[in-house]
Amino acid sequence: MSQENDNFINLFDDYLKNERGYSKNTIIAYLNDLQEFKKFLLENGGFTGWDQVHSRDIEIFLQSLANLSRSRTTQSRKMSSLRSFYNFLIKRKLIKQDPMQLISLRLGEKRLPQFFYEKQVKQVLNSLSNSSDDLSIRNLALFELFYTTGMRLSEISNLTLDQIDFDLKLILVHGKGNKDRYVLFSDSTDKALRAYLDQARSNLLKNNIDQNYVFLNDQGRKLSSRGIEYVMQKVFNKAGISGKVHPHMLRHTFATQMLDNGADLRSVQELLGHESLSTTQIYTHVTMKHLQSDYEKFFPRNNKENEAK
C-alpha cells in the first residue's frame, strides 16, 4: 500500500474541515465509518489500499451490517460516507475508478420526521414561563428560539450575541458548509431572549471570561449541543411530554407548522438552510389537510353542481 494511499484520509479530513466546513462531530462520524470499513476489509481478506477497493467489497460490507441487524439508517449513513469519500478521490483525480458508482441501498420509505403538536410546545413554554430562576429563564429563551426559527442544534449552541439583530428580529446563522442565512424570530422569542440577556445571562456567566456565546450552562461556559439535549429531555419530561425527545424535533416542528399554515417549500428551504429542495419535501406530509381541501374544492367529480348537471 502506497504512502499516497495512506494520505487519502488526511486529505479528505482537510477537505471536510476547510472546504466543506463540517462540524467536528460530523467529520468524526465520516472518518469512523471509513475506519470501520477498512477494519472489515483487514479482517476479511486484507486491505491493499483505497484505490484497490471494488464494488463487491462494499456490497459484502453492507451485507455484513445487515446481518448484524444494523439499522437501515446506519447502513445508509455508512454508504453515504463511502460515497462522499470516493467522490472526493475521483474529483481530485487521486483514483481512476469509483467503486461506489454501482452501489445502491434499498431503504424503503423515508422515515417521516418526528415533531411536536403546537399544544405540546405551548405546554412546555408555559411551564417555563411560570418560573423565575435563571435556568428557567434561559430555557424559555432557548426553546422559543428553536421553535420559532428552525435552527439546527449546533447553530444554536454556537450562537453568539453579535449574530442577533433585535431591531429587525433577525439572526445571521452560520450554517453547514460555511453557508450563512438569515432567520427571523417572533415577538414572543424577542421577549424571552431579552429577558434572558437582561436578567439571567450575567448571573450564569459568573466570573468567567465572556466569549459572547448566547446560551451558557450553570458553570458560565457555552451550553454544548450535548448539554442542550440533556436540558431538553429534562424540561420536556417535567412538563408532561413523555418519552425520548431531541432538539431536531423542534426544527421539524417549525418546518411542519410553516407548511401546514401555507408557506411554500422554497421559503421553508431557505429558512432551514437546506441545500436541496428534496430534503425539505419530506415535511409535506403535514400539508395533507390542505391537499384534501383543495381536492374537494377543485376536482370536478367532487363538485356538487357538476354532479347535478
Protein backbone atom coordinates (compact mmCIF):
# COMPACT_ATOMS: atom_id res chain seq x y z
CA MET A 1 0.00 0.00 0.00
CA SER A 2 1.49 3.32 -1.10
CA GLN A 3 2.19 6.33 1.09
CA GLU A 4 -0.17 8.21 -1.22
CA ASN A 5 -2.97 5.85 -0.22
CA ASP A 6 -2.18 6.39 3.46
CA ASN A 7 -2.60 10.11 2.91
CA PHE A 8 -6.07 9.88 1.31
CA ILE A 9 -7.85 10.03 4.68
CA ASN A 10 -5.84 13.07 5.79
CA LEU A 11 -6.69 14.88 2.57
CA PHE A 12 -10.36 14.01 2.97
CA ASP A 13 -10.25 15.23 6.57
CA ASP A 14 -8.81 18.58 5.44
CA TYR A 15 -11.45 18.83 2.70
CA LEU A 16 -14.36 18.27 5.11
CA LYS A 17 -12.92 20.70 7.62
CA ASN A 18 -11.66 23.55 5.45
CA GLU A 19 -13.68 23.37 2.23
CA ARG A 20 -16.99 21.92 3.37
CA GLY A 21 -16.89 23.49 6.80
CA TYR A 22 -18.42 20.48 8.51
CA SER A 23 -18.65 20.31 12.28
CA LYS A 24 -16.16 18.32 14.35
CA ASN A 25 -18.76 15.67 15.18
CA THR A 26 -19.78 15.24 11.53
CA ILE A 27 -16.16 14.80 10.45
CA ILE A 28 -15.54 12.25 13.21
CA ALA A 29 -18.60 10.29 12.04
CA TYR A 30 -17.32 10.25 8.42
CA LEU A 31 -13.84 9.12 9.40
CA ASN A 32 -15.14 6.49 11.83
CA ASP A 33 -17.27 4.99 9.06
CA LEU A 34 -14.24 4.79 6.77
CA GLN A 35 -12.13 3.20 9.50
CA GLU A 36 -14.85 0.64 10.20
CA PHE A 37 -14.92 -0.30 6.52
CA LYS A 38 -11.13 -0.57 6.41
CA LYS A 39 -11.13 -2.74 9.55
CA PHE A 40 -13.75 -5.01 7.97
CA LEU A 41 -11.54 -5.49 4.90
CA LEU A 42 -8.47 -6.17 7.04
CA GLU A 43 -10.36 -8.88 8.92
CA ASN A 44 -11.83 -10.42 5.79
CA GLY A 45 -9.06 -10.93 3.28
CA GLY A 46 -6.92 -7.84 3.70
CA PHE A 47 -6.83 -4.17 2.81
CA THR A 48 -4.45 -3.25 -0.02
CA GLY A 49 -5.38 0.39 -0.47
CA TRP A 50 -8.36 2.65 -1.05
CA ASP A 51 -7.65 2.58 -4.77
CA GLN A 52 -7.88 -1.22 -4.77
CA VAL A 53 -11.41 -1.39 -3.32
CA HIS A 54 -14.04 -2.93 -5.63
CA SER A 55 -17.80 -2.60 -5.66
CA ARG A 56 -18.10 -6.18 -4.47
CA ASP A 57 -16.07 -5.34 -1.34
CA ILE A 58 -18.56 -2.61 -0.44
CA GLU A 59 -21.56 -4.83 -1.16
CA ILE A 60 -20.19 -7.51 1.19
CA PHE A 61 -19.54 -4.87 3.86
CA LEU A 62 -23.10 -3.56 3.63
CA GLN A 63 -24.44 -7.11 3.73
CA SER A 64 -22.44 -7.73 6.90
CA LEU A 65 -24.08 -4.70 8.50
CA ALA A 66 -27.50 -6.10 7.62
CA ASN A 67 -26.53 -9.50 9.05
CA LEU A 68 -25.58 -7.77 12.29
CA SER A 69 -29.06 -6.19 12.33
CA ARG A 70 -27.62 -2.70 12.00
CA SER A 71 -30.44 -0.29 11.19
CA ARG A 72 -31.19 0.90 7.68
CA THR A 73 -30.34 4.41 8.79
CA THR A 74 -26.89 3.26 9.94
CA GLN A 75 -26.30 1.38 6.70
CA SER A 76 -27.35 4.41 4.69
CA ARG A 77 -25.03 6.73 6.65
CA LYS A 78 -22.02 4.49 6.17
CA MET A 79 -22.78 4.20 2.48
CA SER A 80 -23.06 7.99 2.31
CA SER A 81 -19.64 8.35 3.99
CA LEU A 82 -18.06 5.99 1.48
CA ARG A 83 -19.78 7.73 -1.42
CA SER A 84 -18.57 11.16 -0.28
CA PHE A 85 -15.04 9.85 0.20
CA TYR A 86 -14.83 8.28 -3.25
CA ASN A 87 -16.45 11.30 -4.90
CA PHE A 88 -13.68 13.38 -3.35
CA LEU A 89 -10.95 10.99 -4.59
CA ILE A 90 -12.40 10.97 -8.11
CA LYS A 91 -12.75 14.76 -8.30
CA ARG A 92 -9.17 15.20 -7.11
CA LYS A 93 -8.06 12.57 -9.65
CA LEU A 94 -6.45 10.51 -6.90
CA ILE A 95 -8.09 7.33 -8.20
CA LYS A 96 -9.43 6.35 -11.63
CA GLN A 97 -12.48 4.24 -10.81
CA ASP A 98 -15.26 4.84 -8.30
CA PRO A 99 -16.32 1.59 -6.59
CA MET A 100 -19.45 3.32 -5.26
CA GLN A 101 -20.81 4.05 -8.73
CA LEU A 102 -22.94 0.91 -8.94
CA ILE A 103 -23.82 0.65 -5.24
CA SER A 104 -27.35 1.31 -4.06
CA LEU A 105 -29.18 0.55 -0.86
CA ARG A 106 -32.89 0.00 -0.83
CA LEU A 107 -34.06 1.93 2.13
CA GLY A 108 -37.78 1.72 1.52
CA GLU A 109 -39.83 4.71 2.51
CA LYS A 110 -38.08 7.59 4.22
CA ARG A 111 -38.89 7.86 7.88
CA LEU A 112 -41.08 10.86 8.47
CA PRO A 113 -39.54 13.37 10.86
CA GLN A 114 -40.91 13.36 14.37
CA PHE A 115 -42.41 16.63 15.52
CA PHE A 116 -44.49 18.11 18.32
CA TYR A 117 -48.01 19.41 18.08
CA GLU A 118 -48.44 23.11 18.79
CA LYS A 119 -50.31 22.30 22.00
CA GLN A 120 -47.34 20.27 23.29
CA VAL A 121 -44.83 23.04 22.65
CA LYS A 122 -47.07 25.61 24.37
CA GLN A 123 -47.38 23.22 27.30
CA VAL A 124 -43.58 23.26 27.73
CA LEU A 125 -43.20 27.00 27.19
CA ASN A 126 -45.99 27.76 29.65
CA SER A 127 -44.33 25.57 32.28
CA LEU A 128 -41.16 27.62 31.93
CA SER A 129 -42.98 30.96 31.94
CA ASN A 130 -44.19 30.25 35.46
CA SER A 131 -40.63 30.04 36.83
CA SER A 132 -38.30 32.95 37.56
CA ASP A 133 -34.96 31.23 38.27
CA ASP A 134 -32.05 31.89 35.91
CA LEU A 135 -32.05 28.45 34.25
CA SER A 136 -35.78 28.53 33.56
CA ILE A 137 -35.45 31.99 32.01
CA ARG A 138 -32.59 30.67 29.86
CA ASN A 139 -34.54 27.54 28.89
CA LEU A 140 -37.58 29.56 27.85
CA ALA A 141 -35.42 31.68 25.51
CA LEU A 142 -33.64 28.56 24.27
CA PHE A 143 -36.75 26.60 23.31
CA GLU A 144 -38.59 29.67 21.99
CA LEU A 145 -35.65 30.18 19.64
CA PHE A 146 -35.62 26.55 18.49
CA TYR A 147 -39.35 26.58 17.93
CA THR A 148 -39.68 29.86 16.02
CA THR A 149 -36.55 29.72 13.85
CA GLY A 150 -35.99 26.06 12.95
CA MET A 151 -32.26 26.46 13.66
CA ARG A 152 -30.06 23.38 13.97
CA LEU A 153 -28.76 22.20 17.32
CA SER A 154 -25.15 23.16 16.51
CA GLU A 155 -26.26 26.56 15.19
CA ILE A 156 -27.94 27.46 18.47
CA SER A 157 -25.16 26.04 20.63
CA ASN A 158 -22.60 28.17 18.73
CA LEU A 159 -24.81 31.28 18.51
CA THR A 160 -23.08 34.49 19.58
CA LEU A 161 -24.56 37.80 20.68
CA ASP A 162 -23.37 39.70 17.60
CA GLN A 163 -25.40 37.41 15.30
CA ILE A 164 -28.68 38.75 16.70
CA ASP A 165 -30.31 41.92 15.36
CA PHE A 166 -33.07 42.80 17.82
CA ASP A 167 -34.22 45.82 15.79
CA LEU A 168 -35.10 43.69 12.76
CA LYS A 169 -35.71 40.47 14.73
CA LEU A 170 -33.17 38.70 12.54
CA ILE A 171 -30.37 36.23 13.22
CA LEU A 172 -27.41 35.67 10.91
CA VAL A 173 -26.94 31.91 11.07
CA HIS A 174 -23.61 30.30 10.24
CA GLY A 175 -24.89 27.04 8.79
CA LYS A 176 -23.48 23.83 7.36
CA GLY A 177 -20.70 24.09 4.81
CA ASN A 178 -19.92 27.71 5.75
CA LYS A 179 -23.26 28.79 4.29
CA ASP A 180 -24.79 31.79 6.01
CA ARG A 181 -28.50 32.55 6.03
CA TYR A 182 -30.90 34.83 7.88
CA VAL A 183 -33.77 33.61 10.04
CA LEU A 184 -36.47 35.66 11.69
CA PHE A 185 -37.81 35.30 15.20
CA SER A 186 -41.18 36.16 16.72
CA ASP A 187 -42.24 38.77 19.26
CA SER A 188 -42.54 36.09 21.95
CA THR A 189 -38.99 34.92 21.20
CA ASP A 190 -37.78 38.52 21.26
CA LYS A 191 -39.33 38.96 24.71
CA ALA A 192 -37.86 35.69 26.03
CA LEU A 193 -34.39 36.45 24.65
CA ARG A 194 -34.33 39.98 26.07
CA ALA A 195 -35.45 38.70 29.47
CA TYR A 196 -32.70 36.09 29.46
CA LEU A 197 -29.98 38.53 28.40
CA ASP A 198 -31.13 41.24 30.82
CA GLN A 199 -31.91 39.12 33.87
CA ALA A 200 -30.17 35.74 33.80
CA ARG A 201 -27.16 35.54 31.50
CA SER A 202 -24.85 37.72 33.60
CA ASN A 203 -25.71 35.64 36.67
CA LEU A 204 -24.81 32.44 34.83
CA LEU A 205 -21.58 33.95 33.47
CA LYS A 206 -20.27 34.47 37.00
CA ASN A 207 -16.53 35.26 36.87
CA ASN A 208 -15.80 33.58 33.52
CA ILE A 209 -14.43 35.47 30.56
CA ASP A 210 -17.37 36.38 28.31
CA GLN A 211 -16.89 34.70 24.91
CA ASN A 212 -20.19 36.14 23.66
CA TYR A 213 -21.99 32.81 23.35
CA VAL A 214 -25.69 33.41 23.88
CA PHE A 215 -26.56 30.32 25.86
CA LEU A 216 -24.48 29.44 28.92
CA ASN A 217 -24.56 26.46 31.26
CA ASP A 218 -24.71 26.71 35.05
CA GLN A 219 -20.89 26.91 35.11
CA GLY A 220 -20.84 30.05 32.95
CA ARG A 221 -19.49 28.32 29.85
CA LYS A 222 -21.05 27.71 26.43
CA LEU A 223 -24.02 25.36 26.60
CA SER A 224 -22.87 22.49 24.38
CA SER A 225 -25.03 20.51 21.96
CA ARG A 226 -24.99 17.57 24.35
CA GLY A 227 -25.89 19.89 27.20
CA ILE A 228 -28.88 21.21 25.26
CA GLU A 229 -30.04 17.64 24.57
CA TYR A 230 -29.85 16.86 28.30
CA VAL A 231 -31.69 20.05 29.29
CA MET A 232 -34.43 19.45 26.73
CA GLN A 233 -35.06 15.89 27.86
CA LYS A 234 -35.33 17.02 31.46
CA VAL A 235 -37.53 20.08 30.78
CA PHE A 236 -39.93 18.38 28.38
CA ASN A 237 -40.43 15.32 30.57
CA LYS A 238 -41.06 17.56 33.58
CA ALA A 239 -43.66 19.49 31.56
CA GLY A 240 -45.53 16.26 30.83
CA ILE A 241 -44.10 15.34 27.41
CA SER A 242 -43.16 11.70 27.89
CA GLY A 243 -40.63 9.61 26.00
CA LYS A 244 -37.37 10.44 24.26
CA VAL A 245 -37.14 13.94 22.81
CA HIS A 246 -34.44 15.67 20.76
CA PRO A 247 -33.82 19.28 19.64
CA HIS A 248 -34.19 18.23 15.99
CA MET A 249 -37.86 17.59 16.77
CA LEU A 250 -38.31 21.34 17.35
CA ARG A 251 -36.69 22.04 13.98
CA HIS A 252 -39.09 19.54 12.42
CA THR A 253 -41.99 21.19 14.27
CA PHE A 254 -41.04 24.59 12.85
CA ALA A 255 -40.97 23.19 9.29
CA THR A 256 -44.23 21.27 9.56
CA GLN A 257 -46.11 24.20 11.07
CA MET A 258 -44.80 26.60 8.42
CA LEU A 259 -46.00 24.31 5.63
CA ASP A 260 -49.23 23.45 7.40
CA ASN A 261 -50.06 27.16 7.55
CA GLY A 262 -49.46 27.74 3.86
CA ALA A 263 -45.76 28.57 3.46
CA ASP A 264 -44.19 27.45 0.19
CA LEU A 265 -41.40 24.88 0.04
CA ARG A 266 -38.79 27.32 -1.26
CA SER A 267 -39.27 29.68 1.69
CA VAL A 268 -39.03 26.85 4.19
CA GLN A 269 -35.94 25.53 2.38
CA GLU A 270 -34.25 28.92 2.76
CA LEU A 271 -35.16 29.25 6.42
CA LEU A 272 -33.94 25.74 7.26
CA GLY A 273 -30.75 26.14 5.23
CA HIS A 274 -31.35 23.00 3.16
CA GLU A 275 -29.06 22.70 0.16
CA SER A 276 -31.63 20.70 -1.80
CA LEU A 277 -35.39 21.19 -2.08
CA SER A 278 -35.82 17.41 -1.95
CA THR A 279 -34.65 17.47 1.67
CA THR A 280 -37.42 19.90 2.55
CA GLN A 281 -40.09 17.91 0.70
CA ILE A 282 -40.20 15.26 3.40
CA TYR A 283 -42.16 17.74 5.52
CA THR A 284 -45.02 17.98 3.06
CA HIS A 285 -46.85 15.14 4.81
CA VAL A 286 -48.33 17.76 7.13
CA THR A 287 -50.00 19.61 4.28
CA MET A 288 -52.39 16.74 3.69
CA LYS A 289 -55.35 18.63 5.11
CA HIS A 290 -54.71 21.44 2.63
CA LEU A 291 -54.42 18.94 -0.21
CA GLN A 292 -57.68 17.31 0.82
CA SER A 293 -59.38 20.69 1.00
CA ASP A 294 -58.15 21.68 -2.47
CA TYR A 295 -59.07 18.29 -3.88
CA GLU A 296 -62.64 18.55 -2.61
CA LYS A 297 -62.88 22.13 -3.85
CA PHE A 298 -61.43 21.78 -7.34
CA PHE A 299 -61.82 18.19 -8.53
CA PRO A 300 -64.93 18.17 -10.80
CA ARG A 301 -66.44 14.93 -9.53
CA ASN A 302 -66.46 16.37 -6.01
CA ASN A 303 -68.32 19.43 -7.22
CA LYS A 304 -72.00 19.02 -6.42
CA GLU A 305 -73.01 21.49 -9.11
CA ASN A 306 -71.25 19.34 -11.72
CA GLU A 307 -72.91 16.23 -10.35
CA ALA A 308 -76.30 17.89 -10.62
CA LYS A 309 -75.65 18.57 -14.27
